[in-house]
């Protein structure tokens, strides 16, 4: 399992814009670099990231070889109701990581 760091406010007022920041520990090998033996290292990247707020996707990204190791993403959404945010990273070699964070929305 990869290490993730997620910053989401625990509470927000209804209609408030929330910033969501997430990073994941991942080597992001491009598939173009030679290894110590001179052979090309196999590609190993995160290909997609999605964030769903109470089941509705509020953000998505496709990542490519040029993205750095341990990719960091920041985006915004509007607090509408209490519930959960589900963040999901998927990549090469069957890589998949899902994190769930709860949020309380007040009037």
PDB file of N, CA and C in Angstrom:
ATOM      1  N   UNK A   1       0.825  -1.177   0.000  1.00  0.00           N
ATOM      2  CA  UNK A   1       0.000   0.000   0.000  1.00  0.00           C
ATOM      3  C   UNK A   1       0.873   1.245   0.000  1.00  0.00           C
ATOM      4  N   UNK A   2       0.526   2.198  -0.810  1.00  0.00           N
ATOM      5  CA  UNK A   2       1.291   3.439  -0.907  1.00  0.00           C
ATOM      6  C   UNK A   2       0.883   4.389   0.216  1.00  0.00           C
ATOM      7  N   UNK A   3       1.802   5.231   0.603  1.00  0.00           N
ATOM      8  CA  UNK A   3       1.529   6.222   1.640  1.00  0.00           C
ATOM      9  C   UNK A   3       0.832   7.421   1.006  1.00  0.00           C
ATOM     10  N   UNK A   4      -0.258   7.863   1.609  1.00  0.00           N
ATOM     11  CA  UNK A   4      -0.980   9.031   1.110  1.00  0.00           C
ATOM     12  C   UNK A   4      -1.041  10.104   2.183  1.00  0.00           C
ATOM     13  N   UNK A   5      -1.064  11.347   1.749  1.00  0.00           N
ATOM     14  CA  UNK A   5      -1.291  12.492   2.620  1.00  0.00           C
ATOM     15  C   UNK A   5      -2.455  13.266   2.019  1.00  0.00           C
ATOM     16  N   UNK A   6      -3.499  13.446   2.797  1.00  0.00           N
ATOM     17  CA  UNK A   6      -4.702  14.109   2.308  1.00  0.00           C
ATOM     18  C   UNK A   6      -5.076  15.215   3.279  1.00  0.00           C
ATOM     19  N   UNK A   7      -5.333  16.399   2.732  1.00  0.00           N
ATOM     20  CA  UNK A   7      -5.772  17.528   3.554  1.00  0.00           C
ATOM     21  C   UNK A   7      -7.150  17.964   3.061  1.00  0.00           C
ATOM     22  N   UNK A   8      -8.150  17.712   3.891  1.00  0.00           N
ATOM     23  CA  UNK A   8      -9.523  18.117   3.626  1.00  0.00           C
ATOM     24  C   UNK A   8     -10.067  18.656   4.951  1.00  0.00           C
ATOM     25  N   UNK A   9     -10.773  19.777   4.928  1.00  0.00           N
ATOM     26  CA  UNK A   9     -11.319  20.268   6.196  1.00  0.00           C
ATOM     27  C   UNK A   9     -12.318  19.252   6.777  1.00  0.00           C
ATOM     28  N   UNK A  10     -12.286  19.067   8.093  1.00  0.00           N
ATOM     29  CA  UNK A  10     -13.200  18.120   8.735  1.00  0.00           C
ATOM     30  C   UNK A  10     -14.636  18.647   8.735  1.00  0.00           C
ATOM     31  N   UNK A  11     -14.769  19.975   8.786  1.00  0.00           N
ATOM     32  CA  UNK A  11     -16.093  20.597   8.747  1.00  0.00           C
ATOM     33  C   UNK A  11     -16.074  21.772   7.785  1.00  0.00           C
ATOM     34  N   UNK A  12     -17.254  22.083   7.236  1.00  0.00           N
ATOM     35  CA  UNK A  12     -17.406  23.225   6.333  1.00  0.00           C
ATOM     36  C   UNK A  12     -18.855  23.684   6.393  1.00  0.00           C
ATOM     37  N   UNK A  13     -19.074  24.947   6.064  1.00  0.00           N
ATOM     38  CA  UNK A  13     -20.438  25.465   5.990  1.00  0.00           C
ATOM     39  C   UNK A  13     -21.008  25.157   4.616  1.00  0.00           C
ATOM     40  N   UNK A  14     -22.315  24.903   4.564  1.00  0.00           N
ATOM     41  CA  UNK A  14     -22.986  24.622   3.292  1.00  0.00           C
ATOM     42  C   UNK A  14     -22.720  25.768   2.314  1.00  0.00           C
ATOM     43  N   UNK A  15     -22.281  25.425   1.101  1.00  0.00           N
ATOM     44  CA  UNK A  15     -21.981  26.411   0.073  1.00  0.00           C
ATOM     45  C   UNK A  15     -20.547  26.917   0.096  1.00  0.00           C
ATOM     46  N   UNK A  16     -19.788  26.552   1.119  1.00  0.00           N
ATOM     47  CA  UNK A  16     -18.391  26.981   1.232  1.00  0.00           C
ATOM     48  C   UNK A  16     -17.520  26.215   0.231  1.00  0.00           C
ATOM     49  N   UNK A  17     -16.562  26.903  -0.358  1.00  0.00           N
ATOM     50  CA  UNK A  17     -15.611  26.265  -1.272  1.00  0.00           C
ATOM     51  C   UNK A  17     -14.505  25.638  -0.423  1.00  0.00           C
ATOM     52  N   UNK A  18     -14.254  24.348  -0.657  1.00  0.00           N
ATOM     53  CA  UNK A  18     -13.231  23.617   0.095  1.00  0.00           C
ATOM     54  C   UNK A  18     -12.057  23.279  -0.811  1.00  0.00           C
ATOM     55  N   UNK A  19     -10.855  23.474  -0.285  1.00  0.00           N
ATOM     56  CA  UNK A  19      -9.667  23.031  -1.014  1.00  0.00           C
ATOM     57  C   UNK A  19      -9.322  21.619  -0.557  1.00  0.00           C
ATOM     58  N   UNK A  20      -9.048  20.760  -1.515  1.00  0.00           N
ATOM     59  CA  UNK A  20      -8.653  19.385  -1.236  1.00  0.00           C
ATOM     60  C   UNK A  20      -7.247  19.201  -1.794  1.00  0.00           C
ATOM     61  N   UNK A  21      -6.339  18.724  -0.938  1.00  0.00           N
ATOM     62  CA  UNK A  21      -4.955  18.489  -1.361  1.00  0.00           C
ATOM     63  C   UNK A  21      -4.605  17.043  -1.064  1.00  0.00           C
ATOM     64  N   UNK A  22      -3.973  16.398  -2.042  1.00  0.00           N
ATOM     65  CA  UNK A  22      -3.625  14.986  -1.874  1.00  0.00           C
ATOM     66  C   UNK A  22      -2.301  14.682  -2.558  1.00  0.00           C
ATOM     67  N   UNK A  23      -1.502  13.868  -1.898  1.00  0.00           N
ATOM     68  CA  UNK A  23      -0.267  13.367  -2.501  1.00  0.00           C
ATOM     69  C   UNK A  23      -0.161  11.881  -2.172  1.00  0.00           C
ATOM     70  N   UNK A  24       0.519  11.164  -3.035  1.00  0.00           N
ATOM     71  CA  UNK A  24       0.695   9.730  -2.830  1.00  0.00           C
ATOM     72  C   UNK A  24       2.152   9.370  -3.109  1.00  0.00           C
ATOM     73  N   UNK A  25       2.695   8.517  -2.272  1.00  0.00           N
ATOM     74  CA  UNK A  25       4.064   8.054  -2.467  1.00  0.00           C
ATOM     75  C   UNK A  25       4.108   7.019  -3.582  1.00  0.00           C
ATOM     76  N   UNK A  26       4.739   7.369  -4.689  1.00  0.00           N
ATOM     77  CA  UNK A  26       4.819   6.450  -5.839  1.00  0.00           C
ATOM     78  C   UNK A  26       6.025   6.832  -6.685  1.00  0.00           C
ATOM     79  N   UNK A  27       6.833   5.874  -7.167  1.00  0.00           N
ATOM     80  CA  UNK A  27       8.061   6.197  -7.891  1.00  0.00           C
ATOM     81  C   UNK A  27       7.860   6.814  -9.275  1.00  0.00           C
ATOM     82  N   UNK A  28       6.729   6.554  -9.940  1.00  0.00           N
ATOM     83  CA  UNK A  28       6.426   7.116 -11.251  1.00  0.00           C
ATOM     84  C   UNK A  28       7.582   6.934 -12.249  1.00  0.00           C
ATOM     85  N   UNK A  29       7.922   5.705 -12.544  1.00  0.00           N
ATOM     86  CA  UNK A  29       8.972   5.409 -13.527  1.00  0.00           C
ATOM     87  C   UNK A  29       8.414   5.556 -14.941  1.00  0.00           C
ATOM     88  N   UNK A  30       9.089   6.353 -15.777  1.00  0.00           N
ATOM     89  CA  UNK A  30       8.583   6.708 -17.105  1.00  0.00           C
ATOM     90  C   UNK A  30       8.600   5.582 -18.131  1.00  0.00           C
ATOM     91  N   UNK A  31       9.510   4.642 -17.984  1.00  0.00           N
ATOM     92  CA  UNK A  31       9.655   3.593 -18.989  1.00  0.00           C
ATOM     93  C   UNK A  31      10.645   3.966 -20.080  1.00  0.00           C
ATOM     94  N   UNK A  32      11.327   5.098 -19.918  1.00  0.00           N
ATOM     95  CA  UNK A  32      12.304   5.560 -20.910  1.00  0.00           C
ATOM     96  C   UNK A  32      13.737   5.542 -20.375  1.00  0.00           C
ATOM     97  N   UNK A  33      13.905   5.490 -19.058  1.00  0.00           N
ATOM     98  CA  UNK A  33      15.243   5.566 -18.470  1.00  0.00           C
ATOM     99  C   UNK A  33      15.930   4.209 -18.461  1.00  0.00           C
ATOM    100  N   UNK A  34      17.249   4.194 -18.691  1.00  0.00           N
ATOM    101  CA  UNK A  34      17.991   2.934 -18.573  1.00  0.00           C
ATOM    102  C   UNK A  34      18.329   2.653 -17.107  1.00  0.00           C
ATOM    103  N   UNK A  35      18.317   1.373 -16.750  1.00  0.00           N
ATOM    104  CA  UNK A  35      18.715   0.973 -15.408  1.00  0.00           C
ATOM    105  C   UNK A  35      20.218   0.801 -15.321  1.00  0.00           C
ATOM    106  N   UNK A  36      20.697   0.317 -14.196  1.00  0.00           N
ATOM    107  CA  UNK A  36      22.132   0.098 -13.996  1.00  0.00           C
ATOM    108  C   UNK A  36      22.707  -0.912 -14.984  1.00  0.00           C
ATOM    109  N   UNK A  37      21.864  -1.825 -15.446  1.00  0.00           N
ATOM    110  CA  UNK A  37      22.322  -2.851 -16.391  1.00  0.00           C
ATOM    111  C   UNK A  37      22.211  -2.393 -17.842  1.00  0.00           C
ATOM    112  N   UNK A  38      21.746  -1.150 -18.081  1.00  0.00           N
ATOM    113  CA  UNK A  38      21.624  -0.617 -19.432  1.00  0.00           C
ATOM    114  C   UNK A  38      20.282  -0.897 -20.088  1.00  0.00           C
ATOM    115  N   UNK A  39      19.487  -1.773 -19.501  1.00  0.00           N
ATOM    116  CA  UNK A  39      18.160  -2.074 -20.045  1.00  0.00           C
ATOM    117  C   UNK A  39      17.157  -1.022 -19.567  1.00  0.00           C
ATOM    118  N   UNK A  40      16.178  -0.759 -20.408  1.00  0.00           N
ATOM    119  CA  UNK A  40      15.160   0.228 -20.060  1.00  0.00           C
ATOM    120  C   UNK A  40      14.319  -0.282 -18.892  1.00  0.00           C
ATOM    121  N   UNK A  41      14.159   0.585 -17.888  1.00  0.00           N
ATOM    122  CA  UNK A  41      13.321   0.238 -16.739  1.00  0.00           C
ATOM    123  C   UNK A  41      11.860   0.206 -17.179  1.00  0.00           C
ATOM    124  N   UNK A  42      11.073  -0.745 -16.704  1.00  0.00           N
ATOM    125  CA  UNK A  42       9.665  -0.821 -17.118  1.00  0.00           C
ATOM    126  C   UNK A  42       8.858   0.365 -16.572  1.00  0.00           C
ATOM    127  N   UNK A  43       7.896   0.792 -17.366  1.00  0.00           N
ATOM    128  CA  UNK A  43       7.043   1.909 -16.968  1.00  0.00           C
ATOM    129  C   UNK A  43       6.222   1.514 -15.733  1.00  0.00           C
ATOM    130  N   UNK A  44       6.076   2.465 -14.812  1.00  0.00           N
ATOM    131  CA  UNK A  44       5.295   2.250 -13.601  1.00  0.00           C
ATOM    132  C   UNK A  44       4.764   3.611 -13.156  1.00  0.00           C
ATOM    133  N   UNK A  45       3.613   4.003 -13.701  1.00  0.00           N
ATOM    134  CA  UNK A  45       3.055   5.312 -13.368  1.00  0.00           C
ATOM    135  C   UNK A  45       1.616   5.171 -12.876  1.00  0.00           C
ATOM    136  N   UNK A  46       1.156   6.193 -12.170  1.00  0.00           N
ATOM    137  CA  UNK A  46      -0.257   6.317 -11.848  1.00  0.00           C
ATOM    138  C   UNK A  46      -0.912   6.920 -13.081  1.00  0.00           C
ATOM    139  N   UNK A  47      -1.967   6.291 -13.562  1.00  0.00           N
ATOM    140  CA  UNK A  47      -2.608   6.748 -14.792  1.00  0.00           C
ATOM    141  C   UNK A  47      -3.810   7.647 -14.541  1.00  0.00           C
ATOM    142  N   UNK A  48      -4.586   7.358 -13.486  1.00  0.00           N
ATOM    143  CA  UNK A  48      -5.777   8.166 -13.227  1.00  0.00           C
ATOM    144  C   UNK A  48      -5.948   8.448 -11.744  1.00  0.00           C
ATOM    145  N   UNK A  49      -6.575   9.573 -11.473  1.00  0.00           N
ATOM    146  CA  UNK A  49      -6.963   9.962 -10.123  1.00  0.00           C
ATOM    147  C   UNK A  49      -8.394  10.464 -10.194  1.00  0.00           C
ATOM    148  N   UNK A  50      -9.230  10.027  -9.261  1.00  0.00           N
ATOM    149  CA  UNK A  50     -10.595  10.545  -9.179  1.00  0.00           C
ATOM    150  C   UNK A  50     -10.940  10.852  -7.733  1.00  0.00           C
ATOM    151  N   UNK A  51     -11.843  11.814  -7.558  1.00  0.00           N
ATOM    152  CA  UNK A  51     -12.386  12.128  -6.245  1.00  0.00           C
ATOM    153  C   UNK A  51     -13.894  12.177  -6.375  1.00  0.00           C
ATOM    154  N   UNK A  52     -14.573  11.376  -5.551  1.00  0.00           N
ATOM    155  CA  UNK A  52     -16.031  11.361  -5.541  1.00  0.00           C
ATOM    156  C   UNK A  52     -16.525  11.885  -4.192  1.00  0.00           C
ATOM    157  N   UNK A  53     -17.506  12.767  -4.258  1.00  0.00           N
ATOM    158  CA  UNK A  53     -18.124  13.357  -3.069  1.00  0.00           C
ATOM    159  C   UNK A  53     -19.530  12.786  -2.989  1.00  0.00           C
ATOM    160  N   UNK A  54     -19.772  11.931  -2.002  1.00  0.00           N
ATOM    161  CA  UNK A  54     -21.048  11.226  -1.849  1.00  0.00           C
ATOM    162  C   UNK A  54     -21.464  10.530  -3.146  1.00  0.00           C
ATOM    163  N   UNK A  55     -20.499   9.880  -3.784  1.00  0.00           N
ATOM    164  CA  UNK A  55     -20.771   9.094  -4.978  1.00  0.00           C
ATOM    165  C   UNK A  55     -20.715   9.840  -6.291  1.00  0.00           C
ATOM    166  N   UNK A  56     -20.652  11.163  -6.263  1.00  0.00           N
ATOM    167  CA  UNK A  56     -20.592  11.964  -7.493  1.00  0.00           C
ATOM    168  C   UNK A  56     -19.159  12.447  -7.726  1.00  0.00           C
ATOM    169  N   UNK A  57     -18.621  12.176  -8.908  1.00  0.00           N
ATOM    170  CA  UNK A  57     -17.254  12.596  -9.196  1.00  0.00           C
ATOM    171  C   UNK A  57     -17.176  14.115  -9.272  1.00  0.00           C
ATOM    172  N   UNK A  58     -16.264  14.697  -8.463  1.00  0.00           N
ATOM    173  CA  UNK A  58     -16.077  16.147  -8.458  1.00  0.00           C
ATOM    174  C   UNK A  58     -14.742  16.553  -9.076  1.00  0.00           C
ATOM    175  N   UNK A  59     -13.846  15.580  -9.255  1.00  0.00           N
ATOM    176  CA  UNK A  59     -12.549  15.883  -9.865  1.00  0.00           C
ATOM    177  C   UNK A  59     -11.966  14.601 -10.437  1.00  0.00           C
ATOM    178  N   UNK A  60     -11.287  14.735 -11.562  1.00  0.00           N
ATOM    179  CA  UNK A  60     -10.595  13.609 -12.163  1.00  0.00           C
ATOM    180  C   UNK A  60      -9.381  14.106 -12.931  1.00  0.00           C
ATOM    181  N   UNK A  61      -8.365  13.272 -13.010  1.00  0.00           N
ATOM    182  CA  UNK A  61      -7.150  13.646 -13.737  1.00  0.00           C
ATOM    183  C   UNK A  61      -6.533  12.411 -14.377  1.00  0.00           C
ATOM    184  N   UNK A  62      -5.994  12.602 -15.588  1.00  0.00           N
ATOM    185  CA  UNK A  62      -5.193  11.575 -16.239  1.00  0.00           C
ATOM    186  C   UNK A  62      -3.742  11.993 -16.092  1.00  0.00           C
ATOM    187  N   UNK A  63      -2.906  11.092 -15.616  1.00  0.00           N
ATOM    188  CA  UNK A  63      -1.497  11.399 -15.396  1.00  0.00           C
ATOM    189  C   UNK A  63      -0.663  10.661 -16.435  1.00  0.00           C
ATOM    190  N   UNK A  64       0.470  11.254 -16.797  1.00  0.00           N
ATOM    191  CA  UNK A  64       1.327  10.704 -17.840  1.00  0.00           C
ATOM    192  C   UNK A  64       2.763  10.609 -17.344  1.00  0.00           C
ATOM    193  N   UNK A  65       3.635  10.106 -18.174  1.00  0.00           N
ATOM    194  CA  UNK A  65       5.034   9.863 -17.806  1.00  0.00           C
ATOM    195  C   UNK A  65       5.755  11.095 -17.287  1.00  0.00           C
ATOM    196  N   UNK A  66       5.352  12.273 -17.694  1.00  0.00           N
ATOM    197  CA  UNK A  66       6.057  13.489 -17.290  1.00  0.00           C
ATOM    198  C   UNK A  66       5.734  13.932 -15.868  1.00  0.00           C
ATOM    199  N   UNK A  67       4.773  13.303 -15.212  1.00  0.00           N
ATOM    200  CA  UNK A  67       4.413  13.672 -13.844  1.00  0.00           C
ATOM    201  C   UNK A  67       5.487  13.163 -12.890  1.00  0.00           C
ATOM    202  N   UNK A  68       5.831  13.980 -11.913  1.00  0.00           N
ATOM    203  CA  UNK A  68       6.904  13.627 -10.986  1.00  0.00           C
ATOM    204  C   UNK A  68       6.519  12.476 -10.068  1.00  0.00           C
ATOM    205  N   UNK A  69       7.525  11.920  -9.432  1.00  0.00           N
ATOM    206  CA  UNK A  69       7.288  10.917  -8.396  1.00  0.00           C
ATOM    207  C   UNK A  69       6.491  11.573  -7.273  1.00  0.00           C
ATOM    208  N   UNK A  70       5.729  10.777  -6.551  1.00  0.00           N
ATOM    209  CA  UNK A  70       4.918  11.260  -5.437  1.00  0.00           C
ATOM    210  C   UNK A  70       4.007  12.415  -5.867  1.00  0.00           C
ATOM    211  N   UNK A  71       3.145  12.182  -6.855  1.00  0.00           N
ATOM    212  CA  UNK A  71       2.345  13.274  -7.406  1.00  0.00           C
ATOM    213  C   UNK A  71       1.445  13.952  -6.368  1.00  0.00           C
ATOM    214  N   UNK A  72       1.370  15.274  -6.485  1.00  0.00           N
ATOM    215  CA  UNK A  72       0.579  16.135  -5.605  1.00  0.00           C
ATOM    216  C   UNK A  72      -0.519  16.779  -6.436  1.00  0.00           C
ATOM    217  N   UNK A  73      -1.753  16.713  -5.946  1.00  0.00           N
ATOM    218  CA  UNK A  73      -2.889  17.319  -6.633  1.00  0.00           C
ATOM    219  C   UNK A  73      -3.641  18.205  -5.651  1.00  0.00           C
ATOM    220  N   UNK A  74      -4.099  19.352  -6.130  1.00  0.00           N
ATOM    221  CA  UNK A  74      -4.922  20.258  -5.327  1.00  0.00           C
ATOM    222  C   UNK A  74      -6.074  20.730  -6.205  1.00  0.00           C
ATOM    223  N   UNK A  75      -7.271  20.740  -5.639  1.00  0.00           N
ATOM    224  CA  UNK A  75      -8.456  21.164  -6.374  1.00  0.00           C
ATOM    225  C   UNK A  75      -9.511  21.622  -5.381  1.00  0.00           C
ATOM    226  N   UNK A  76     -10.613  22.157  -5.887  1.00  0.00           N
ATOM    227  CA  UNK A  76     -11.661  22.727  -5.052  1.00  0.00           C
ATOM    228  C   UNK A  76     -13.003  22.086  -5.381  1.00  0.00           C
ATOM    229  N   UNK A  77     -13.874  22.045  -4.374  1.00  0.00           N
ATOM    230  CA  UNK A  77     -15.269  21.649  -4.569  1.00  0.00           C
ATOM    231  C   UNK A  77     -16.106  22.407  -3.546  1.00  0.00           C
ATOM    232  N   UNK A  78     -17.401  22.418  -3.751  1.00  0.00           N
ATOM    233  CA  UNK A  78     -18.312  23.142  -2.873  1.00  0.00           C
ATOM    234  C   UNK A  78     -18.937  22.165  -1.878  1.00  0.00           C
ATOM    235  N   UNK A  79     -18.952  22.542  -0.595  1.00  0.00           N
ATOM    236  CA  UNK A  79     -19.576  21.720   0.441  1.00  0.00           C
ATOM    237  C   UNK A  79     -21.094  21.780   0.275  1.00  0.00           C
ATOM    238  N   UNK A  80     -21.708  20.635   0.027  1.00  0.00           N
ATOM    239  CA  UNK A  80     -23.153  20.601  -0.170  1.00  0.00           C
ATOM    240  C   UNK A  80     -23.873  19.862   0.949  1.00  0.00           C
ATOM    241  N   UNK A  81     -23.282  18.770   1.426  1.00  0.00           N
ATOM    242  CA  UNK A  81     -23.892  17.992   2.504  1.00  0.00           C
ATOM    243  C   UNK A  81     -22.829  17.124   3.168  1.00  0.00           C
ATOM    244  N   UNK A  82     -23.108  16.711   4.385  1.00  0.00           N
ATOM    245  CA  UNK A  82     -22.183  15.823   5.090  1.00  0.00           C
ATOM    246  C   UNK A  82     -22.071  14.507   4.349  1.00  0.00           C
ATOM    247  N   UNK A  83     -20.937  13.875   4.465  1.00  0.00           N
ATOM    248  CA  UNK A  83     -20.745  12.595   3.788  1.00  0.00           C
ATOM    249  C   UNK A  83     -19.293  12.222   3.683  1.00  0.00           C
ATOM    250  N   UNK A  84     -18.951  11.574   2.574  1.00  0.00           N
ATOM    251  CA  UNK A  84     -17.590  11.089   2.393  1.00  0.00           C
ATOM    252  C   UNK A  84     -17.026  11.521   1.050  1.00  0.00           C
ATOM    253  N   UNK A  85     -15.728  11.682   1.051  1.00  0.00           N
ATOM    254  CA  UNK A  85     -14.965  11.896  -0.171  1.00  0.00           C
ATOM    255  C   UNK A  85     -14.131  10.639  -0.363  1.00  0.00           C
ATOM    256  N   UNK A  86     -14.210  10.065  -1.561  1.00  0.00           N
ATOM    257  CA  UNK A  86     -13.447   8.861  -1.883  1.00  0.00           C
ATOM    258  C   UNK A  86     -12.419   9.239  -2.938  1.00  0.00           C
ATOM    259  N   UNK A  87     -11.145   9.138  -2.587  1.00  0.00           N
ATOM    260  CA  UNK A  87     -10.047   9.459  -3.492  1.00  0.00           C
ATOM    261  C   UNK A  87      -9.451   8.150  -3.993  1.00  0.00           C
ATOM    262  N   UNK A  88      -9.279   8.038  -5.308  1.00  0.00           N
ATOM    263  CA  UNK A  88      -8.802   6.791  -5.897  1.00  0.00           C
ATOM    264  C   UNK A  88      -7.710   7.057  -6.926  1.00  0.00           C
ATOM    265  N   UNK A  89      -6.593   6.345  -6.768  1.00  0.00           N
ATOM    266  CA  UNK A  89      -5.479   6.393  -7.704  1.00  0.00           C
ATOM    267  C   UNK A  89      -5.388   5.026  -8.368  1.00  0.00           C
ATOM    268  N   UNK A  90      -5.202   4.975  -9.703  1.00  0.00           N
ATOM    269  CA  UNK A  90      -5.014   3.712 -10.412  1.00  0.00           C
ATOM    270  C   UNK A  90      -3.849   3.853 -11.375  1.00  0.00           C
ATOM    271  N   UNK A  91      -3.090   2.758 -11.525  1.00  0.00           N
ATOM    272  CA  UNK A  91      -1.919   2.847 -12.385  1.00  0.00           C
ATOM    273  C   UNK A  91      -1.497   1.525 -12.974  1.00  0.00           C
ATOM    274  N   UNK A  92      -0.265   1.516 -13.479  1.00  0.00           N
ATOM    275  CA  UNK A  92       0.305   0.342 -14.121  1.00  0.00           C
ATOM    276  C   UNK A  92       0.462  -0.809 -13.132  1.00  0.00           C
ATOM    277  N   UNK A  93       0.578  -1.997 -13.683  1.00  0.00           N
ATOM    278  CA  UNK A  93       0.844  -3.212 -12.912  1.00  0.00           C
ATOM    279  C   UNK A  93      -0.236  -3.507 -11.877  1.00  0.00           C
ATOM    280  N   UNK A  94      -1.484  -3.094 -12.161  1.00  0.00           N
ATOM    281  CA  UNK A  94      -2.598  -3.370 -11.256  1.00  0.00           C
ATOM    282  C   UNK A  94      -2.636  -2.491 -10.024  1.00  0.00           C
ATOM    283  N   UNK A  95      -1.852  -1.403 -10.021  1.00  0.00           N
ATOM    284  CA  UNK A  95      -1.820  -0.513  -8.855  1.00  0.00           C
ATOM    285  C   UNK A  95      -3.173   0.155  -8.650  1.00  0.00           C
ATOM    286  N   UNK A  96      -3.653   0.129  -7.421  1.00  0.00           N
ATOM    287  CA  UNK A  96      -4.889   0.818  -7.064  1.00  0.00           C
ATOM    288  C   UNK A  96      -4.834   1.179  -5.589  1.00  0.00           C
ATOM    289  N   UNK A  97      -5.183   2.403  -5.287  1.00  0.00           N
ATOM    290  CA  UNK A  97      -5.194   2.878  -3.898  1.00  0.00           C
ATOM    291  C   UNK A  97      -6.436   3.725  -3.709  1.00  0.00           C
ATOM    292  N   UNK A  98      -7.211   3.441  -2.679  1.00  0.00           N
ATOM    293  CA  UNK A  98      -8.420   4.196  -2.379  1.00  0.00           C
ATOM    294  C   UNK A  98      -8.384   4.656  -0.935  1.00  0.00           C
ATOM    295  N   UNK A  99      -8.696   5.916  -0.727  1.00  0.00           N
ATOM    296  CA  UNK A  99      -8.776   6.492   0.619  1.00  0.00           C
ATOM    297  C   UNK A  99     -10.129   7.167   0.763  1.00  0.00           C
ATOM    298  N   UNK A 100     -10.730   7.049   1.942  1.00  0.00           N
ATOM    299  CA  UNK A 100     -12.027   7.646   2.221  1.00  0.00           C
ATOM    300  C   UNK A 100     -11.895   8.607   3.395  1.00  0.00           C
ATOM    301  N   UNK A 101     -12.460   9.817   3.235  1.00  0.00           N
ATOM    302  CA  UNK A 101     -12.402  10.839   4.274  1.00  0.00           C
ATOM    303  C   UNK A 101     -13.817  11.374   4.489  1.00  0.00           C
ATOM    304  N   UNK A 102     -14.194  11.520   5.753  1.00  0.00           N
ATOM    305  CA  UNK A 102     -15.518  12.051   6.087  1.00  0.00           C
ATOM    306  C   UNK A 102     -15.467  13.560   6.246  1.00  0.00           C
ATOM    307  N   UNK A 103     -16.585  14.201   5.930  1.00  0.00           N
ATOM    308  CA  UNK A 103     -16.713  15.648   6.109  1.00  0.00           C
ATOM    309  C   UNK A 103     -18.090  15.935   6.697  1.00  0.00           C
ATOM    310  N   UNK A 104     -18.138  16.898   7.620  1.00  0.00           N
ATOM    311  CA  UNK A 104     -19.397  17.334   8.209  1.00  0.00           C
ATOM    312  C   UNK A 104     -19.712  18.729   7.692  1.00  0.00           C
ATOM    313  N   UNK A 105     -20.901  18.885   7.117  1.00  0.00           N
ATOM    314  CA  UNK A 105     -21.329  20.171   6.578  1.00  0.00           C
ATOM    315  C   UNK A 105     -22.404  20.732   7.509  1.00  0.00           C
ATOM    316  N   UNK A 106     -22.194  21.980   7.922  1.00  0.00           N
ATOM    317  CA  UNK A 106     -23.147  22.646   8.808  1.00  0.00           C
ATOM    318  C   UNK A 106     -23.907  23.714   8.039  1.00  0.00           C
ATOM    319  N   UNK A 107     -25.027  24.142   8.624  1.00  0.00           N
ATOM    320  CA  UNK A 107     -25.884  25.138   7.954  1.00  0.00           C
ATOM    321  C   UNK A 107     -25.275  26.490   7.893  1.00  0.00           C
TER     322      UNK A 107
END
